[in-house]
Amino acid sequence: MFAVVRTGGKQYRVAAGDKIVVEKIDGDAGASVTLGDVLLAGEGAELKAVAGLTVAAEIVAQAKAEKVIVFKKRRRHNYRRKNGHRQNHTILKIVSVG
């Protein structure tokens, strides 16, 4: 069975046993999390009702993404700015759907 869940402003298609990387969710590694915003669920080509459906997940790790370099430059004005950013994210393992 699969489900489409929304967390952190993004949507993910998940099934039991999947590992996904989502925006940071509070909690330590090993803690269980319930994702309640289920948009779609089904099995094969059949869709099922999503009223009251939840997805149980376990936090595998809290990590950071690769560094993104932001470089600004204006020609002939001696203007250069370099800035880096690493986004925090959470790695989840889906335990069950439903």
N, C-alpha and C. Protein backbone atom coordinates (compact mmCIF):
# COMPACT_ATOMS: atom_id res chain seq x y z
N MET A 1 0.85 -1.18 0.00
CA MET A 1 0.00 0.00 0.00
C MET A 1 0.89 1.24 0.00
N PHE A 2 0.50 2.25 -0.76
CA PHE A 2 1.26 3.49 -0.81
C PHE A 2 0.39 4.65 -0.36
N ALA A 3 1.04 5.76 -0.05
CA ALA A 3 0.33 6.98 0.33
C ALA A 3 1.14 8.18 -0.14
N VAL A 4 0.44 9.28 -0.37
CA VAL A 4 1.09 10.55 -0.67
C VAL A 4 0.86 11.44 0.54
N VAL A 5 1.96 11.84 1.19
CA VAL A 5 1.87 12.66 2.40
C VAL A 5 2.51 14.02 2.13
N ARG A 6 2.03 15.02 2.89
CA ARG A 6 2.59 16.36 2.78
C ARG A 6 3.25 16.73 4.10
N THR A 7 4.53 17.12 4.02
CA THR A 7 5.26 17.58 5.19
C THR A 7 6.31 18.58 4.74
N GLY A 8 6.46 19.65 5.47
CA GLY A 8 7.44 20.66 5.13
C GLY A 8 7.15 21.38 3.83
N GLY A 9 5.88 21.44 3.41
CA GLY A 9 5.51 22.12 2.19
C GLY A 9 5.75 21.31 0.92
N LYS A 10 6.16 20.05 1.06
CA LYS A 10 6.42 19.20 -0.10
C LYS A 10 5.60 17.92 0.03
N GLN A 11 5.42 17.21 -1.07
CA GLN A 11 4.65 15.98 -1.08
C GLN A 11 5.57 14.81 -1.42
N TYR A 12 5.33 13.68 -0.75
CA TYR A 12 6.16 12.50 -0.93
C TYR A 12 5.27 11.28 -1.10
N ARG A 13 5.64 10.41 -2.06
CA ARG A 13 4.94 9.13 -2.23
C ARG A 13 5.72 8.10 -1.41
N VAL A 14 5.05 7.47 -0.45
CA VAL A 14 5.73 6.57 0.46
C VAL A 14 5.01 5.22 0.53
N ALA A 15 5.77 4.22 0.92
CA ALA A 15 5.24 2.89 1.20
C ALA A 15 6.02 2.35 2.39
N ALA A 16 5.54 1.30 3.00
CA ALA A 16 6.21 0.73 4.17
C ALA A 16 7.62 0.29 3.79
N GLY A 17 8.60 0.68 4.60
CA GLY A 17 9.99 0.32 4.37
C GLY A 17 10.80 1.37 3.61
N ASP A 18 10.15 2.40 3.08
CA ASP A 18 10.87 3.45 2.34
C ASP A 18 11.63 4.35 3.28
N LYS A 19 12.71 4.94 2.77
CA LYS A 19 13.45 5.98 3.50
C LYS A 19 13.33 7.26 2.68
N ILE A 20 12.94 8.36 3.35
CA ILE A 20 12.79 9.64 2.66
C ILE A 20 13.53 10.72 3.43
N VAL A 21 13.91 11.76 2.72
CA VAL A 21 14.58 12.92 3.32
C VAL A 21 13.59 14.07 3.25
N VAL A 22 13.21 14.62 4.42
CA VAL A 22 12.22 15.69 4.50
C VAL A 22 12.82 16.90 5.22
N GLU A 23 12.09 18.01 5.19
CA GLU A 23 12.49 19.18 5.96
C GLU A 23 12.55 18.80 7.43
N LYS A 24 13.32 19.54 8.22
CA LYS A 24 13.59 19.19 9.61
C LYS A 24 12.31 19.02 10.43
N ILE A 25 12.26 17.89 11.13
CA ILE A 25 11.19 17.58 12.09
C ILE A 25 11.85 17.41 13.44
N ASP A 26 11.27 18.00 14.48
CA ASP A 26 11.86 17.89 15.81
C ASP A 26 11.81 16.45 16.30
N GLY A 27 12.88 16.03 16.98
CA GLY A 27 12.96 14.68 17.53
C GLY A 27 14.36 14.12 17.38
N ASP A 28 14.67 13.15 18.22
CA ASP A 28 15.97 12.50 18.17
C ASP A 28 15.90 11.23 17.32
N ALA A 29 17.07 10.73 16.96
CA ALA A 29 17.13 9.49 16.18
C ALA A 29 16.50 8.35 16.99
N GLY A 30 15.67 7.56 16.34
CA GLY A 30 14.99 6.47 17.01
C GLY A 30 13.58 6.81 17.46
N ALA A 31 13.23 8.11 17.48
CA ALA A 31 11.89 8.52 17.90
C ALA A 31 10.89 8.23 16.78
N SER A 32 9.64 7.98 17.17
CA SER A 32 8.61 7.71 16.17
C SER A 32 7.81 8.98 15.90
N VAL A 33 7.38 9.14 14.66
CA VAL A 33 6.65 10.32 14.21
C VAL A 33 5.42 9.85 13.45
N THR A 34 4.33 10.58 13.59
CA THR A 34 3.11 10.29 12.84
C THR A 34 2.87 11.41 11.84
N LEU A 35 2.76 11.05 10.57
CA LEU A 35 2.45 12.03 9.53
C LEU A 35 0.96 11.93 9.24
N GLY A 36 0.21 12.95 9.63
CA GLY A 36 -1.24 12.90 9.54
C GLY A 36 -1.82 13.53 8.29
N ASP A 37 -1.04 14.30 7.54
CA ASP A 37 -1.56 14.99 6.37
C ASP A 37 -1.43 14.09 5.13
N VAL A 38 -2.31 13.10 5.04
CA VAL A 38 -2.29 12.14 3.92
C VAL A 38 -3.21 12.67 2.83
N LEU A 39 -2.69 12.82 1.61
CA LEU A 39 -3.46 13.38 0.51
C LEU A 39 -4.08 12.30 -0.37
N LEU A 40 -3.42 11.15 -0.48
CA LEU A 40 -3.88 10.10 -1.38
C LEU A 40 -3.36 8.77 -0.86
N ALA A 41 -4.14 7.72 -1.03
CA ALA A 41 -3.69 6.39 -0.62
C ALA A 41 -4.26 5.38 -1.59
N GLY A 42 -3.55 4.28 -1.75
CA GLY A 42 -4.03 3.26 -2.65
C GLY A 42 -3.16 2.03 -2.63
N GLU A 43 -3.62 1.05 -3.41
CA GLU A 43 -2.89 -0.20 -3.54
C GLU A 43 -3.00 -0.62 -5.00
N GLY A 44 -1.85 -0.64 -5.69
CA GLY A 44 -1.88 -0.91 -7.12
C GLY A 44 -2.53 0.25 -7.85
N ALA A 45 -3.59 -0.04 -8.61
CA ALA A 45 -4.30 1.00 -9.35
C ALA A 45 -5.54 1.49 -8.61
N GLU A 46 -5.85 0.87 -7.47
CA GLU A 46 -7.04 1.26 -6.69
C GLU A 46 -6.70 2.35 -5.71
N LEU A 47 -7.60 3.32 -5.57
CA LEU A 47 -7.44 4.37 -4.57
C LEU A 47 -8.36 4.08 -3.40
N LYS A 48 -7.92 4.47 -2.21
CA LYS A 48 -8.70 4.23 -0.99
C LYS A 48 -9.03 5.54 -0.32
N ALA A 49 -10.00 5.53 0.58
CA ALA A 49 -10.38 6.73 1.32
C ALA A 49 -9.27 7.11 2.29
N VAL A 50 -9.02 8.41 2.45
CA VAL A 50 -7.93 8.86 3.30
C VAL A 50 -8.42 9.45 4.62
N ALA A 51 -9.72 9.40 4.88
CA ALA A 51 -10.25 9.96 6.11
C ALA A 51 -9.70 9.18 7.31
N GLY A 52 -8.98 9.87 8.19
CA GLY A 52 -8.43 9.25 9.39
C GLY A 52 -7.20 8.40 9.15
N LEU A 53 -6.64 8.42 7.96
CA LEU A 53 -5.46 7.62 7.64
C LEU A 53 -4.20 8.35 8.08
N THR A 54 -3.27 7.64 8.69
CA THR A 54 -2.00 8.22 9.11
C THR A 54 -0.85 7.34 8.64
N VAL A 55 0.33 7.94 8.62
CA VAL A 55 1.54 7.22 8.23
C VAL A 55 2.49 7.27 9.42
N ALA A 56 2.94 6.11 9.89
CA ALA A 56 3.87 6.03 11.01
C ALA A 56 5.29 5.94 10.46
N ALA A 57 6.18 6.75 11.04
CA ALA A 57 7.57 6.77 10.58
C ALA A 57 8.50 6.84 11.78
N GLU A 58 9.75 6.47 11.54
CA GLU A 58 10.78 6.51 12.58
C GLU A 58 11.92 7.40 12.09
N ILE A 59 12.42 8.26 12.98
CA ILE A 59 13.52 9.14 12.62
C ILE A 59 14.81 8.34 12.61
N VAL A 60 15.48 8.32 11.46
CA VAL A 60 16.75 7.61 11.33
C VAL A 60 17.89 8.53 11.77
N ALA A 61 17.88 9.79 11.28
CA ALA A 61 18.95 10.73 11.62
C ALA A 61 18.51 12.15 11.34
N GLN A 62 19.15 13.08 12.05
CA GLN A 62 19.03 14.51 11.75
C GLN A 62 20.34 14.88 11.04
N ALA A 63 20.25 15.49 9.88
CA ALA A 63 21.45 15.76 9.09
C ALA A 63 21.34 17.12 8.41
N LYS A 64 22.39 17.45 7.66
CA LYS A 64 22.42 18.68 6.89
C LYS A 64 22.64 18.34 5.42
N ALA A 65 22.06 19.15 4.55
CA ALA A 65 22.21 18.95 3.11
C ALA A 65 23.58 19.46 2.65
N GLU A 66 23.86 19.27 1.38
CA GLU A 66 25.10 19.79 0.80
C GLU A 66 25.07 21.31 0.82
N LYS A 67 26.25 21.91 0.85
CA LYS A 67 26.34 23.36 0.89
C LYS A 67 25.96 23.97 -0.46
N VAL A 68 25.15 25.03 -0.39
CA VAL A 68 24.76 25.79 -1.57
C VAL A 68 25.47 27.13 -1.47
N ILE A 69 26.21 27.49 -2.52
CA ILE A 69 26.94 28.75 -2.55
C ILE A 69 26.09 29.80 -3.25
N VAL A 70 25.92 30.95 -2.59
CA VAL A 70 25.22 32.09 -3.17
C VAL A 70 26.27 33.15 -3.46
N PHE A 71 26.48 33.45 -4.74
CA PHE A 71 27.50 34.41 -5.14
C PHE A 71 26.85 35.53 -5.92
N LYS A 72 27.04 36.77 -5.45
CA LYS A 72 26.47 37.94 -6.11
C LYS A 72 27.61 38.81 -6.63
N LYS A 73 27.44 39.31 -7.84
CA LYS A 73 28.48 40.16 -8.41
C LYS A 73 27.83 41.19 -9.32
N ARG A 74 28.35 42.42 -9.23
CA ARG A 74 27.94 43.47 -10.16
C ARG A 74 29.16 43.90 -10.94
N ARG A 75 29.06 43.82 -12.23
CA ARG A 75 30.21 44.13 -13.08
C ARG A 75 30.64 45.59 -12.93
N ARG A 76 31.94 45.77 -12.91
CA ARG A 76 32.57 47.09 -12.91
C ARG A 76 32.20 47.95 -11.70
N HIS A 77 31.72 47.36 -10.62
CA HIS A 77 31.40 48.13 -9.41
C HIS A 77 32.16 47.63 -8.19
N ASN A 78 33.10 46.69 -8.40
CA ASN A 78 33.86 46.11 -7.29
C ASN A 78 32.94 45.58 -6.19
N TYR A 79 31.87 44.90 -6.60
CA TYR A 79 30.88 44.37 -5.67
C TYR A 79 30.84 42.85 -5.82
N ARG A 80 31.29 42.16 -4.79
CA ARG A 80 31.24 40.70 -4.77
C ARG A 80 30.84 40.24 -3.37
N ARG A 81 29.85 39.36 -3.28
CA ARG A 81 29.43 38.80 -2.00
C ARG A 81 29.32 37.29 -2.15
N LYS A 82 29.91 36.56 -1.22
CA LYS A 82 29.84 35.10 -1.24
C LYS A 82 29.24 34.64 0.07
N ASN A 83 28.23 33.79 -0.02
CA ASN A 83 27.53 33.30 1.16
C ASN A 83 27.21 31.82 0.94
N GLY A 84 27.26 31.03 2.01
CA GLY A 84 26.94 29.62 1.92
C GLY A 84 25.77 29.27 2.81
N HIS A 85 25.07 28.19 2.46
CA HIS A 85 23.91 27.77 3.25
C HIS A 85 23.82 26.24 3.23
N ARG A 86 23.58 25.66 4.40
CA ARG A 86 23.32 24.21 4.52
C ARG A 86 21.98 24.02 5.21
N GLN A 87 21.04 23.43 4.51
CA GLN A 87 19.70 23.23 5.03
C GLN A 87 19.66 22.02 5.96
N ASN A 88 18.97 22.14 7.08
CA ASN A 88 18.77 21.00 7.99
C ASN A 88 17.65 20.12 7.43
N HIS A 89 17.83 18.81 7.51
CA HIS A 89 16.77 17.90 7.11
C HIS A 89 16.77 16.66 8.00
N THR A 90 15.70 15.90 7.89
CA THR A 90 15.50 14.70 8.70
C THR A 90 15.33 13.51 7.76
N ILE A 91 15.98 12.41 8.11
CA ILE A 91 15.82 11.17 7.33
C ILE A 91 14.82 10.29 8.06
N LEU A 92 13.74 9.93 7.37
CA LEU A 92 12.66 9.13 7.97
C LEU A 92 12.61 7.75 7.32
N LYS A 93 12.29 6.76 8.13
CA LYS A 93 12.00 5.41 7.62
C LYS A 93 10.52 5.15 7.88
N ILE A 94 9.78 4.84 6.83
CA ILE A 94 8.35 4.63 6.94
C ILE A 94 8.12 3.24 7.54
N VAL A 95 7.39 3.20 8.66
CA VAL A 95 7.12 1.95 9.35
C VAL A 95 5.84 1.31 8.81
N SER A 96 4.77 2.10 8.74
CA SER A 96 3.50 1.54 8.25
C SER A 96 2.64 2.64 7.66
N VAL A 97 1.75 2.24 6.75
CA VAL A 97 0.78 3.15 6.15
C VAL A 97 -0.58 2.66 6.56
N GLY A 98 -1.35 3.52 7.23
CA GLY A 98 -2.69 3.12 7.65
C GLY A 98 -2.83 2.92 9.12
